[in-house]
Amino acid sequence: MSEKTINRKTLQLVQGDITERDVDAIVNAANSYLQHGGGVAGAIVRKGGQIIQEESNKIGFVPVGNAAITGAGKLPCKYVIHAVGPRMGEGDENNKLKNAVLNSLRLSSEKGLMSISLPAISSGIFGFPKDRCAEILVREALNYIKENPKSSLELIEFCVYDDLTMEYFKKEFDKIS
């Protein structure tokens, strides 16, 4: 585990299963229709229960770069924030990923949440390069902390599953002074 403290806020990097994280909210790498079939999304519904999918169905369509929030069912967290990241090849992917991250952080802060865990959004079946994903997520979280000192968020965690993605995130963490 790596940890950095900026303005009395903590950025943390952990390896493991995001569905097991005991934080206020976990972020789901979702599609625009919030149909949680595969990857992180599928695991969240399998472990948290069908209620998460049912709440998502009521929300409906979420544009790329945006985020929506539901309860967490049986998961240890309180909420699931469904961030819709870009699919590689659709254009303007870096900006869309940046917006998905920022909207997730804003949403959690609006709810008064203190801790959030994010996966490597879009780097799985959506094909976004893992190195660029790590760079954008860490940079945007860092900027958010610096630009929003009154945010309720005290902990922004990145929870990655595989070794390769972990290496890219470690590299970005090492750049934080």
N, C-alpha and C. Protein backbone atom coordinates (compact mmCIF):
# COMPACT_ATOMS: atom_id res chain seq x y z
N MET A 1 0.83 -1.20 0.00
CA MET A 1 0.00 0.00 0.00
C MET A 1 0.87 1.26 0.00
N SER A 2 0.52 2.21 -0.85
CA SER A 2 1.20 3.51 -0.89
C SER A 2 0.23 4.57 -0.41
N GLU A 3 0.78 5.60 0.24
CA GLU A 3 -0.07 6.65 0.77
C GLU A 3 0.63 8.00 0.67
N LYS A 4 -0.12 9.03 0.27
CA LYS A 4 0.40 10.40 0.22
C LYS A 4 -0.60 11.31 0.90
N THR A 5 -0.10 12.28 1.67
CA THR A 5 -0.98 13.24 2.32
C THR A 5 -0.75 14.62 1.73
N ILE A 6 -1.85 15.23 1.27
CA ILE A 6 -1.81 16.56 0.67
C ILE A 6 -2.92 17.38 1.32
N ASN A 7 -2.57 18.56 1.86
CA ASN A 7 -3.59 19.42 2.51
C ASN A 7 -4.44 18.64 3.51
N ARG A 8 -3.82 17.82 4.30
CA ARG A 8 -4.51 16.99 5.31
C ARG A 8 -5.52 16.00 4.71
N LYS A 9 -5.40 15.74 3.42
CA LYS A 9 -6.24 14.73 2.76
C LYS A 9 -5.31 13.60 2.31
N THR A 10 -5.85 12.39 2.25
CA THR A 10 -5.01 11.23 1.94
C THR A 10 -5.36 10.63 0.59
N LEU A 11 -4.32 10.40 -0.20
CA LEU A 11 -4.42 9.61 -1.43
C LEU A 11 -3.80 8.27 -1.12
N GLN A 12 -4.49 7.20 -1.43
CA GLN A 12 -4.02 5.86 -1.07
C GLN A 12 -4.11 4.93 -2.27
N LEU A 13 -3.15 4.02 -2.36
CA LEU A 13 -3.13 3.03 -3.43
C LEU A 13 -3.12 1.64 -2.80
N VAL A 14 -4.13 0.84 -3.12
CA VAL A 14 -4.21 -0.53 -2.60
C VAL A 14 -4.47 -1.50 -3.75
N GLN A 15 -4.04 -2.73 -3.54
CA GLN A 15 -4.32 -3.77 -4.52
C GLN A 15 -5.32 -4.74 -3.92
N GLY A 16 -6.35 -5.07 -4.68
CA GLY A 16 -7.34 -6.01 -4.16
C GLY A 16 -8.69 -5.89 -4.84
N ASP A 17 -9.71 -6.37 -4.15
CA ASP A 17 -11.07 -6.42 -4.66
C ASP A 17 -11.85 -5.21 -4.14
N ILE A 18 -12.24 -4.33 -5.04
CA ILE A 18 -12.93 -3.09 -4.65
C ILE A 18 -14.24 -3.36 -3.93
N THR A 19 -14.88 -4.49 -4.20
CA THR A 19 -16.17 -4.79 -3.55
C THR A 19 -16.01 -5.05 -2.05
N GLU A 20 -14.77 -5.26 -1.61
CA GLU A 20 -14.52 -5.54 -0.19
C GLU A 20 -14.03 -4.31 0.59
N ARG A 21 -13.93 -3.18 -0.09
CA ARG A 21 -13.38 -1.98 0.56
C ARG A 21 -14.40 -1.35 1.51
N ASP A 22 -13.95 -1.06 2.72
CA ASP A 22 -14.81 -0.47 3.74
C ASP A 22 -14.65 1.05 3.71
N VAL A 23 -15.24 1.66 2.71
CA VAL A 23 -15.19 3.11 2.52
C VAL A 23 -16.64 3.60 2.38
N ASP A 24 -16.84 4.91 2.36
CA ASP A 24 -18.20 5.42 2.20
C ASP A 24 -18.78 5.07 0.83
N ALA A 25 -17.94 5.18 -0.21
CA ALA A 25 -18.41 4.85 -1.56
C ALA A 25 -17.32 4.18 -2.37
N ILE A 26 -17.73 3.22 -3.18
CA ILE A 26 -16.82 2.68 -4.18
C ILE A 26 -17.32 3.17 -5.54
N VAL A 27 -16.40 3.30 -6.47
CA VAL A 27 -16.76 3.71 -7.82
C VAL A 27 -16.82 2.48 -8.71
N ASN A 28 -17.89 2.40 -9.46
CA ASN A 28 -18.09 1.34 -10.43
C ASN A 28 -17.74 1.89 -11.81
N ALA A 29 -16.94 1.15 -12.57
CA ALA A 29 -16.66 1.50 -13.96
C ALA A 29 -17.86 1.02 -14.78
N ALA A 30 -18.77 1.94 -15.07
CA ALA A 30 -20.06 1.57 -15.67
C ALA A 30 -20.15 1.94 -17.14
N ASN A 31 -21.17 1.37 -17.81
CA ASN A 31 -21.51 1.81 -19.16
C ASN A 31 -22.68 2.79 -19.05
N SER A 32 -22.98 3.49 -20.14
CA SER A 32 -24.00 4.54 -20.12
C SER A 32 -25.40 4.05 -19.75
N TYR A 33 -25.65 2.77 -20.01
CA TYR A 33 -26.99 2.23 -19.72
C TYR A 33 -27.08 1.64 -18.30
N LEU A 34 -25.95 1.71 -17.56
CA LEU A 34 -25.87 1.16 -16.20
C LEU A 34 -26.34 -0.29 -16.16
N GLN A 35 -25.98 -1.04 -17.19
CA GLN A 35 -26.23 -2.48 -17.21
C GLN A 35 -24.95 -3.14 -16.73
N HIS A 36 -24.97 -3.68 -15.52
CA HIS A 36 -23.75 -4.13 -14.85
C HIS A 36 -23.51 -5.62 -15.09
N GLY A 37 -23.00 -5.95 -16.27
CA GLY A 37 -22.82 -7.35 -16.63
C GLY A 37 -21.45 -7.91 -16.33
N GLY A 38 -20.40 -7.25 -16.80
CA GLY A 38 -19.05 -7.81 -16.70
C GLY A 38 -18.11 -6.94 -15.89
N GLY A 39 -16.88 -7.42 -15.75
CA GLY A 39 -15.82 -6.66 -15.08
C GLY A 39 -16.18 -6.27 -13.65
N VAL A 40 -15.72 -5.09 -13.24
CA VAL A 40 -15.98 -4.56 -11.90
C VAL A 40 -17.49 -4.47 -11.66
N ALA A 41 -18.21 -3.99 -12.69
CA ALA A 41 -19.66 -3.78 -12.56
C ALA A 41 -20.40 -5.08 -12.23
N GLY A 42 -20.03 -6.14 -12.93
CA GLY A 42 -20.65 -7.45 -12.69
C GLY A 42 -20.37 -7.95 -11.28
N ALA A 43 -19.13 -7.76 -10.84
CA ALA A 43 -18.73 -8.21 -9.49
C ALA A 43 -19.50 -7.43 -8.41
N ILE A 44 -19.71 -6.14 -8.65
CA ILE A 44 -20.42 -5.30 -7.68
C ILE A 44 -21.86 -5.79 -7.50
N VAL A 45 -22.54 -6.10 -8.60
CA VAL A 45 -23.93 -6.57 -8.51
C VAL A 45 -24.00 -7.99 -7.94
N ARG A 46 -23.04 -8.84 -8.33
CA ARG A 46 -23.02 -10.22 -7.79
C ARG A 46 -22.89 -10.20 -6.28
N LYS A 47 -21.98 -9.36 -5.77
CA LYS A 47 -21.73 -9.34 -4.32
C LYS A 47 -22.69 -8.43 -3.55
N GLY A 48 -23.11 -7.36 -4.17
CA GLY A 48 -23.98 -6.39 -3.49
C GLY A 48 -25.45 -6.70 -3.61
N GLY A 49 -25.80 -7.51 -4.62
CA GLY A 49 -27.19 -7.88 -4.80
C GLY A 49 -27.87 -7.15 -5.95
N GLN A 50 -28.96 -7.72 -6.40
CA GLN A 50 -29.72 -7.23 -7.55
C GLN A 50 -30.29 -5.83 -7.31
N ILE A 51 -30.42 -5.44 -6.05
CA ILE A 51 -30.95 -4.12 -5.71
C ILE A 51 -30.15 -3.01 -6.38
N ILE A 52 -28.83 -3.21 -6.54
CA ILE A 52 -27.97 -2.20 -7.17
C ILE A 52 -28.38 -2.04 -8.64
N GLN A 53 -28.63 -3.17 -9.33
CA GLN A 53 -29.07 -3.10 -10.72
C GLN A 53 -30.46 -2.46 -10.82
N GLU A 54 -31.33 -2.81 -9.88
CA GLU A 54 -32.69 -2.25 -9.89
C GLU A 54 -32.67 -0.73 -9.71
N GLU A 55 -31.85 -0.25 -8.78
CA GLU A 55 -31.72 1.21 -8.58
C GLU A 55 -31.13 1.86 -9.82
N SER A 56 -30.16 1.19 -10.45
CA SER A 56 -29.53 1.71 -11.66
C SER A 56 -30.54 1.82 -12.80
N ASN A 57 -31.43 0.83 -12.91
CA ASN A 57 -32.46 0.85 -13.95
C ASN A 57 -33.36 2.08 -13.82
N LYS A 58 -33.61 2.51 -12.59
CA LYS A 58 -34.46 3.69 -12.36
C LYS A 58 -33.77 4.98 -12.81
N ILE A 59 -32.44 4.98 -12.76
CA ILE A 59 -31.68 6.17 -13.17
C ILE A 59 -31.72 6.31 -14.69
N GLY A 60 -31.56 5.19 -15.39
CA GLY A 60 -31.58 5.23 -16.85
C GLY A 60 -30.22 5.60 -17.42
N PHE A 61 -30.23 6.36 -18.50
CA PHE A 61 -29.03 6.66 -19.29
C PHE A 61 -28.15 7.69 -18.59
N VAL A 62 -26.85 7.42 -18.56
CA VAL A 62 -25.86 8.35 -18.01
C VAL A 62 -24.81 8.60 -19.10
N PRO A 63 -24.65 9.85 -19.55
CA PRO A 63 -23.69 10.12 -20.62
C PRO A 63 -22.24 9.83 -20.19
N VAL A 64 -21.40 9.51 -21.17
CA VAL A 64 -19.97 9.27 -20.91
C VAL A 64 -19.37 10.51 -20.24
N GLY A 65 -18.58 10.27 -19.20
CA GLY A 65 -17.95 11.37 -18.46
C GLY A 65 -18.76 11.79 -17.24
N ASN A 66 -19.97 11.26 -17.11
CA ASN A 66 -20.82 11.60 -15.96
C ASN A 66 -20.85 10.45 -14.96
N ALA A 67 -21.53 10.67 -13.85
CA ALA A 67 -21.62 9.66 -12.80
C ALA A 67 -22.99 9.74 -12.13
N ALA A 68 -23.42 8.61 -11.58
CA ALA A 68 -24.69 8.52 -10.84
C ALA A 68 -24.44 7.70 -9.58
N ILE A 69 -25.33 7.84 -8.61
CA ILE A 69 -25.11 7.16 -7.32
C ILE A 69 -26.31 6.29 -6.95
N THR A 70 -26.00 5.11 -6.39
CA THR A 70 -27.04 4.22 -5.86
C THR A 70 -26.60 3.74 -4.48
N GLY A 71 -27.49 3.04 -3.81
CA GLY A 71 -27.12 2.36 -2.58
C GLY A 71 -26.14 1.24 -2.90
N ALA A 72 -25.65 0.56 -1.87
CA ALA A 72 -24.61 -0.45 -2.05
C ALA A 72 -25.08 -1.87 -1.74
N GLY A 73 -26.37 -2.04 -1.50
CA GLY A 73 -26.86 -3.39 -1.21
C GLY A 73 -26.14 -4.00 -0.03
N LYS A 74 -25.60 -5.21 -0.25
CA LYS A 74 -24.92 -5.95 0.83
C LYS A 74 -23.41 -5.67 0.92
N LEU A 75 -22.91 -4.74 0.12
CA LEU A 75 -21.48 -4.42 0.16
C LEU A 75 -21.14 -3.67 1.45
N PRO A 76 -19.86 -3.71 1.88
CA PRO A 76 -19.47 -3.00 3.11
C PRO A 76 -19.54 -1.48 2.99
N CYS A 77 -19.47 -0.94 1.77
CA CYS A 77 -19.56 0.52 1.59
C CYS A 77 -21.02 0.97 1.70
N LYS A 78 -21.23 2.29 1.74
CA LYS A 78 -22.60 2.83 1.86
C LYS A 78 -23.23 3.09 0.50
N TYR A 79 -22.41 3.50 -0.47
CA TYR A 79 -22.91 3.87 -1.79
C TYR A 79 -22.02 3.30 -2.89
N VAL A 80 -22.62 3.20 -4.08
CA VAL A 80 -21.85 2.91 -5.29
C VAL A 80 -22.04 4.09 -6.23
N ILE A 81 -20.93 4.66 -6.66
CA ILE A 81 -20.97 5.74 -7.65
C ILE A 81 -20.62 5.11 -9.00
N HIS A 82 -21.55 5.22 -9.93
CA HIS A 82 -21.38 4.61 -11.25
C HIS A 82 -20.80 5.65 -12.20
N ALA A 83 -19.50 5.54 -12.47
CA ALA A 83 -18.80 6.49 -13.34
C ALA A 83 -18.74 5.89 -14.75
N VAL A 84 -19.20 6.66 -15.72
CA VAL A 84 -19.19 6.17 -17.10
C VAL A 84 -17.95 6.71 -17.80
N GLY A 85 -16.96 5.82 -17.95
CA GLY A 85 -15.73 6.19 -18.63
C GLY A 85 -15.84 5.93 -20.12
N PRO A 86 -14.84 6.40 -20.87
CA PRO A 86 -14.88 6.26 -22.33
C PRO A 86 -14.45 4.88 -22.81
N ARG A 87 -14.96 4.50 -23.98
CA ARG A 87 -14.45 3.34 -24.71
C ARG A 87 -13.36 3.86 -25.62
N MET A 88 -12.26 3.13 -25.72
CA MET A 88 -11.16 3.54 -26.58
C MET A 88 -11.65 3.61 -28.02
N GLY A 89 -11.32 4.70 -28.69
CA GLY A 89 -11.70 4.83 -30.10
C GLY A 89 -12.91 5.71 -30.33
N GLU A 90 -13.59 6.14 -29.26
CA GLU A 90 -14.79 6.97 -29.46
C GLU A 90 -14.46 8.46 -29.56
N GLY A 91 -13.19 8.81 -29.31
CA GLY A 91 -12.76 10.20 -29.42
C GLY A 91 -12.79 10.94 -28.08
N ASP A 92 -11.84 11.86 -27.90
CA ASP A 92 -11.75 12.71 -26.71
C ASP A 92 -11.73 11.91 -25.40
N GLU A 93 -11.10 10.73 -25.46
CA GLU A 93 -11.15 9.81 -24.31
C GLU A 93 -10.52 10.38 -23.05
N ASN A 94 -9.38 11.07 -23.18
CA ASN A 94 -8.71 11.60 -21.98
C ASN A 94 -9.62 12.53 -21.20
N ASN A 95 -10.27 13.44 -21.93
CA ASN A 95 -11.18 14.40 -21.31
C ASN A 95 -12.38 13.73 -20.68
N LYS A 96 -12.91 12.72 -21.36
CA LYS A 96 -14.08 12.00 -20.84
C LYS A 96 -13.74 11.25 -19.55
N LEU A 97 -12.53 10.67 -19.52
CA LEU A 97 -12.10 9.96 -18.30
C LEU A 97 -11.91 10.96 -17.16
N LYS A 98 -11.27 12.07 -17.47
CA LYS A 98 -11.07 13.14 -16.47
C LYS A 98 -12.42 13.55 -15.88
N ASN A 99 -13.41 13.77 -16.73
CA ASN A 99 -14.74 14.18 -16.26
C ASN A 99 -15.42 13.11 -15.42
N ALA A 100 -15.25 11.85 -15.80
CA ALA A 100 -15.85 10.74 -15.03
C ALA A 100 -15.28 10.73 -13.61
N VAL A 101 -13.97 10.96 -13.50
CA VAL A 101 -13.31 10.99 -12.18
C VAL A 101 -13.79 12.20 -11.37
N LEU A 102 -13.75 13.38 -11.99
CA LEU A 102 -14.15 14.59 -11.29
C LEU A 102 -15.62 14.54 -10.85
N ASN A 103 -16.49 14.04 -11.73
CA ASN A 103 -17.90 13.94 -11.37
C ASN A 103 -18.14 12.95 -10.23
N SER A 104 -17.34 11.90 -10.18
CA SER A 104 -17.43 10.94 -9.06
C SER A 104 -17.02 11.59 -7.75
N LEU A 105 -15.93 12.35 -7.78
CA LEU A 105 -15.44 13.02 -6.58
C LEU A 105 -16.43 14.10 -6.13
N ARG A 106 -16.97 14.86 -7.08
CA ARG A 106 -17.96 15.90 -6.76
C ARG A 106 -19.20 15.30 -6.12
N LEU A 107 -19.69 14.22 -6.73
CA LEU A 107 -20.90 13.56 -6.24
C LEU A 107 -20.72 13.07 -4.79
N SER A 108 -19.55 12.49 -4.52
CA SER A 108 -19.30 11.99 -3.16
C SER A 108 -19.20 13.15 -2.17
N SER A 109 -18.62 14.25 -2.61
CA SER A 109 -18.49 15.42 -1.75
C SER A 109 -19.86 16.06 -1.49
N GLU A 110 -20.70 16.13 -2.53
CA GLU A 110 -22.07 16.67 -2.37
C GLU A 110 -22.87 15.85 -1.36
N LYS A 111 -22.58 14.55 -1.29
CA LYS A 111 -23.27 13.66 -0.34
C LYS A 111 -22.65 13.72 1.06
N GLY A 112 -21.55 14.48 1.19
CA GLY A 112 -20.88 14.59 2.48
C GLY A 112 -20.05 13.38 2.85
N LEU A 113 -19.66 12.59 1.84
CA LEU A 113 -18.89 11.37 2.10
C LEU A 113 -17.44 11.71 2.43
N MET A 114 -16.82 10.86 3.24
CA MET A 114 -15.45 11.11 3.67
C MET A 114 -14.41 10.24 2.98
N SER A 115 -14.85 9.10 2.40
CA SER A 115 -13.89 8.21 1.76
C SER A 115 -14.48 7.58 0.51
N ILE A 116 -13.62 7.43 -0.50
CA ILE A 116 -14.04 6.87 -1.78
C ILE A 116 -12.93 5.99 -2.33
N SER A 117 -13.31 4.92 -3.00
CA SER A 117 -12.34 4.03 -3.63
C SER A 117 -12.66 3.93 -5.12
N LEU A 118 -11.66 4.19 -5.95
CA LEU A 118 -11.85 4.16 -7.41
C LEU A 118 -11.05 3.02 -8.04
N PRO A 119 -11.65 2.33 -9.02
CA PRO A 119 -10.90 1.34 -9.79
C PRO A 119 -10.21 2.04 -10.97
N ALA A 120 -9.50 1.31 -11.78
CA ALA A 120 -8.86 1.86 -12.98
C ALA A 120 -9.92 1.96 -14.08
N ILE A 121 -10.75 3.00 -14.00
CA ILE A 121 -11.90 3.20 -14.88
C ILE A 121 -11.49 3.14 -16.36
N SER A 122 -12.24 2.38 -17.14
CA SER A 122 -12.10 2.25 -18.60
C SER A 122 -10.90 1.41 -19.05
N SER A 123 -10.06 0.94 -18.11
CA SER A 123 -8.83 0.24 -18.52
C SER A 123 -9.04 -1.26 -18.75
N GLY A 124 -10.25 -1.75 -18.53
CA GLY A 124 -10.55 -3.17 -18.77
C GLY A 124 -11.11 -3.36 -20.17
N ILE A 125 -12.36 -3.82 -20.25
CA ILE A 125 -12.96 -4.12 -21.56
C ILE A 125 -13.16 -2.88 -22.43
N PHE A 126 -13.12 -1.68 -21.85
CA PHE A 126 -13.24 -0.47 -22.66
C PHE A 126 -11.92 -0.11 -23.35
N GLY A 127 -10.82 -0.81 -22.99
CA GLY A 127 -9.57 -0.72 -23.74
C GLY A 127 -8.73 0.53 -23.56
N PHE A 128 -9.01 1.34 -22.55
CA PHE A 128 -8.21 2.54 -22.31
C PHE A 128 -6.84 2.12 -21.79
N PRO A 129 -5.76 2.71 -22.33
CA PRO A 129 -4.40 2.31 -21.88
C PRO A 129 -4.22 2.50 -20.38
N LYS A 130 -3.71 1.45 -19.73
CA LYS A 130 -3.58 1.45 -18.27
C LYS A 130 -2.65 2.56 -17.75
N ASP A 131 -1.59 2.85 -18.50
CA ASP A 131 -0.66 3.88 -18.05
C ASP A 131 -1.32 5.26 -18.08
N ARG A 132 -2.06 5.56 -19.14
CA ARG A 132 -2.77 6.84 -19.24
C ARG A 132 -3.88 6.93 -18.19
N CYS A 133 -4.53 5.82 -17.93
CA CYS A 133 -5.58 5.76 -16.92
C CYS A 133 -5.00 6.15 -15.56
N ALA A 134 -3.89 5.54 -15.19
CA ALA A 134 -3.24 5.84 -13.90
C ALA A 134 -2.85 7.31 -13.82
N GLU A 135 -2.27 7.82 -14.90
CA GLU A 135 -1.83 9.21 -14.93
C GLU A 135 -3.02 10.17 -14.72
N ILE A 136 -4.11 9.94 -15.45
CA ILE A 136 -5.28 10.82 -15.37
C ILE A 136 -5.96 10.72 -14.01
N LEU A 137 -6.17 9.51 -13.51
CA LEU A 137 -6.86 9.35 -12.23
C LEU A 137 -6.09 9.99 -11.08
N VAL A 138 -4.79 9.74 -11.02
CA VAL A 138 -3.98 10.29 -9.93
C VAL A 138 -3.90 11.81 -10.05
N ARG A 139 -3.67 12.31 -11.27
CA ARG A 139 -3.58 13.77 -11.48
C ARG A 139 -4.89 14.46 -11.08
N GLU A 140 -6.01 13.91 -11.52
CA GLU A 140 -7.30 14.56 -11.25
C GLU A 140 -7.66 14.51 -9.76
N ALA A 141 -7.33 13.42 -9.09
CA ALA A 141 -7.58 13.33 -7.65
C ALA A 141 -6.74 14.36 -6.90
N LEU A 142 -5.49 14.48 -7.31
CA LEU A 142 -4.57 15.44 -6.71
C LEU A 142 -5.07 16.87 -6.91
N ASN A 143 -5.47 17.19 -8.15
CA ASN A 143 -6.01 18.52 -8.45
C ASN A 143 -7.28 18.79 -7.65
N TYR A 144 -8.12 17.77 -7.52
CA TYR A 144 -9.37 17.94 -6.78
C TYR A 144 -9.10 18.30 -5.32
N ILE A 145 -8.15 17.60 -4.72
CA ILE A 145 -7.77 17.87 -3.33
C ILE A 145 -7.25 19.30 -3.18
N LYS A 146 -6.40 19.72 -4.12
CA LYS A 146 -5.81 21.06 -4.04
C LYS A 146 -6.84 22.16 -4.28
N GLU A 147 -7.78 21.91 -5.20
CA GLU A 147 -8.74 22.94 -5.59
C GLU A 147 -10.01 22.95 -4.72
N ASN A 148 -10.22 21.91 -3.93
CA ASN A 148 -11.43 21.81 -3.10
C ASN A 148 -11.09 21.51 -1.64
N PRO A 149 -10.41 22.46 -0.98
CA PRO A 149 -9.97 22.20 0.40
C PRO A 149 -11.13 21.96 1.38
N LYS A 150 -12.32 22.44 1.04
CA LYS A 150 -13.48 22.27 1.94
C LYS A 150 -14.28 21.01 1.64
N SER A 151 -13.82 20.21 0.69
CA SER A 151 -14.52 18.96 0.36
C SER A 151 -14.58 18.05 1.59
N SER A 152 -15.68 17.34 1.73
CA SER A 152 -15.83 16.39 2.85
C SER A 152 -14.87 15.21 2.71
N LEU A 153 -14.40 14.96 1.48
CA LEU A 153 -13.53 13.80 1.25
C LEU A 153 -12.21 13.94 1.99
N GLU A 154 -11.89 12.94 2.79
CA GLU A 154 -10.60 12.91 3.49
C GLU A 154 -9.69 11.84 2.93
N LEU A 155 -10.31 10.84 2.27
CA LEU A 155 -9.53 9.73 1.70
C LEU A 155 -10.02 9.45 0.28
N ILE A 156 -9.09 9.54 -0.67
CA ILE A 156 -9.35 9.09 -2.04
C ILE A 156 -8.41 7.92 -2.28
N GLU A 157 -9.02 6.77 -2.47
CA GLU A 157 -8.25 5.53 -2.63
C GLU A 157 -8.38 5.03 -4.07
N PHE A 158 -7.28 4.48 -4.57
CA PHE A 158 -7.31 3.77 -5.85
C PHE A 158 -7.15 2.30 -5.53
N CYS A 159 -8.12 1.50 -5.94
CA CYS A 159 -8.07 0.07 -5.68
C CYS A 159 -7.92 -0.65 -7.01
N VAL A 160 -6.75 -1.21 -7.25
CA VAL A 160 -6.49 -1.90 -8.51
C VAL A 160 -6.30 -3.38 -8.27
N TYR A 161 -6.65 -4.13 -9.28
CA TYR A 161 -6.72 -5.58 -9.13
C TYR A 161 -5.44 -6.30 -9.58
N ASP A 162 -4.92 -5.89 -10.73
CA ASP A 162 -3.80 -6.67 -11.32
C ASP A 162 -2.45 -5.97 -11.12
N ASP A 163 -1.40 -6.76 -11.24
CA ASP A 163 -0.03 -6.28 -11.00
C ASP A 163 0.40 -5.19 -11.97
N LEU A 164 0.07 -5.34 -13.25
CA LEU A 164 0.50 -4.37 -14.26
C LEU A 164 -0.10 -2.99 -13.98
N THR A 165 -1.39 -2.97 -13.72
CA THR A 165 -2.05 -1.69 -13.41
C THR A 165 -1.46 -1.10 -12.14
N MET A 166 -1.17 -1.94 -11.17
CA MET A 166 -0.57 -1.49 -9.91
C MET A 166 0.77 -0.79 -10.17
N GLU A 167 1.57 -1.36 -11.07
CA GLU A 167 2.87 -0.75 -11.39
C GLU A 167 2.69 0.66 -11.96
N TYR A 168 1.73 0.82 -12.86
CA TYR A 168 1.48 2.15 -13.45
C TYR A 168 1.02 3.14 -12.39
N PHE A 169 0.16 2.72 -11.50
CA PHE A 169 -0.31 3.61 -10.43
C PHE A 169 0.83 3.95 -9.46
N LYS A 170 1.69 2.95 -9.15
CA LYS A 170 2.84 3.21 -8.26
C LYS A 170 3.74 4.28 -8.87
N LYS A 171 3.95 4.16 -10.18
CA LYS A 171 4.80 5.12 -10.89
C LYS A 171 4.23 6.54 -10.74
N GLU A 172 2.93 6.68 -10.87
CA GLU A 172 2.29 8.00 -10.72
C GLU A 172 2.37 8.49 -9.28
N PHE A 173 2.21 7.57 -8.32
CA PHE A 173 2.29 7.93 -6.90
C PHE A 173 3.69 8.42 -6.55
N ASP A 174 4.69 7.80 -7.16
CA ASP A 174 6.08 8.19 -6.88
C ASP A 174 6.39 9.62 -7.35
N LYS A 175 5.61 10.12 -8.31
CA LYS A 175 5.82 11.48 -8.83
C LYS A 175 5.26 12.55 -7.89
N ILE A 176 4.38 12.14 -6.96
CA ILE A 176 3.76 13.12 -6.05
C ILE A 176 4.79 13.56 -5.02
N SER A 177 5.00 14.89 -4.94
CA SER A 177 6.03 15.36 -3.99
C SER A 177 5.42 15.71 -2.65
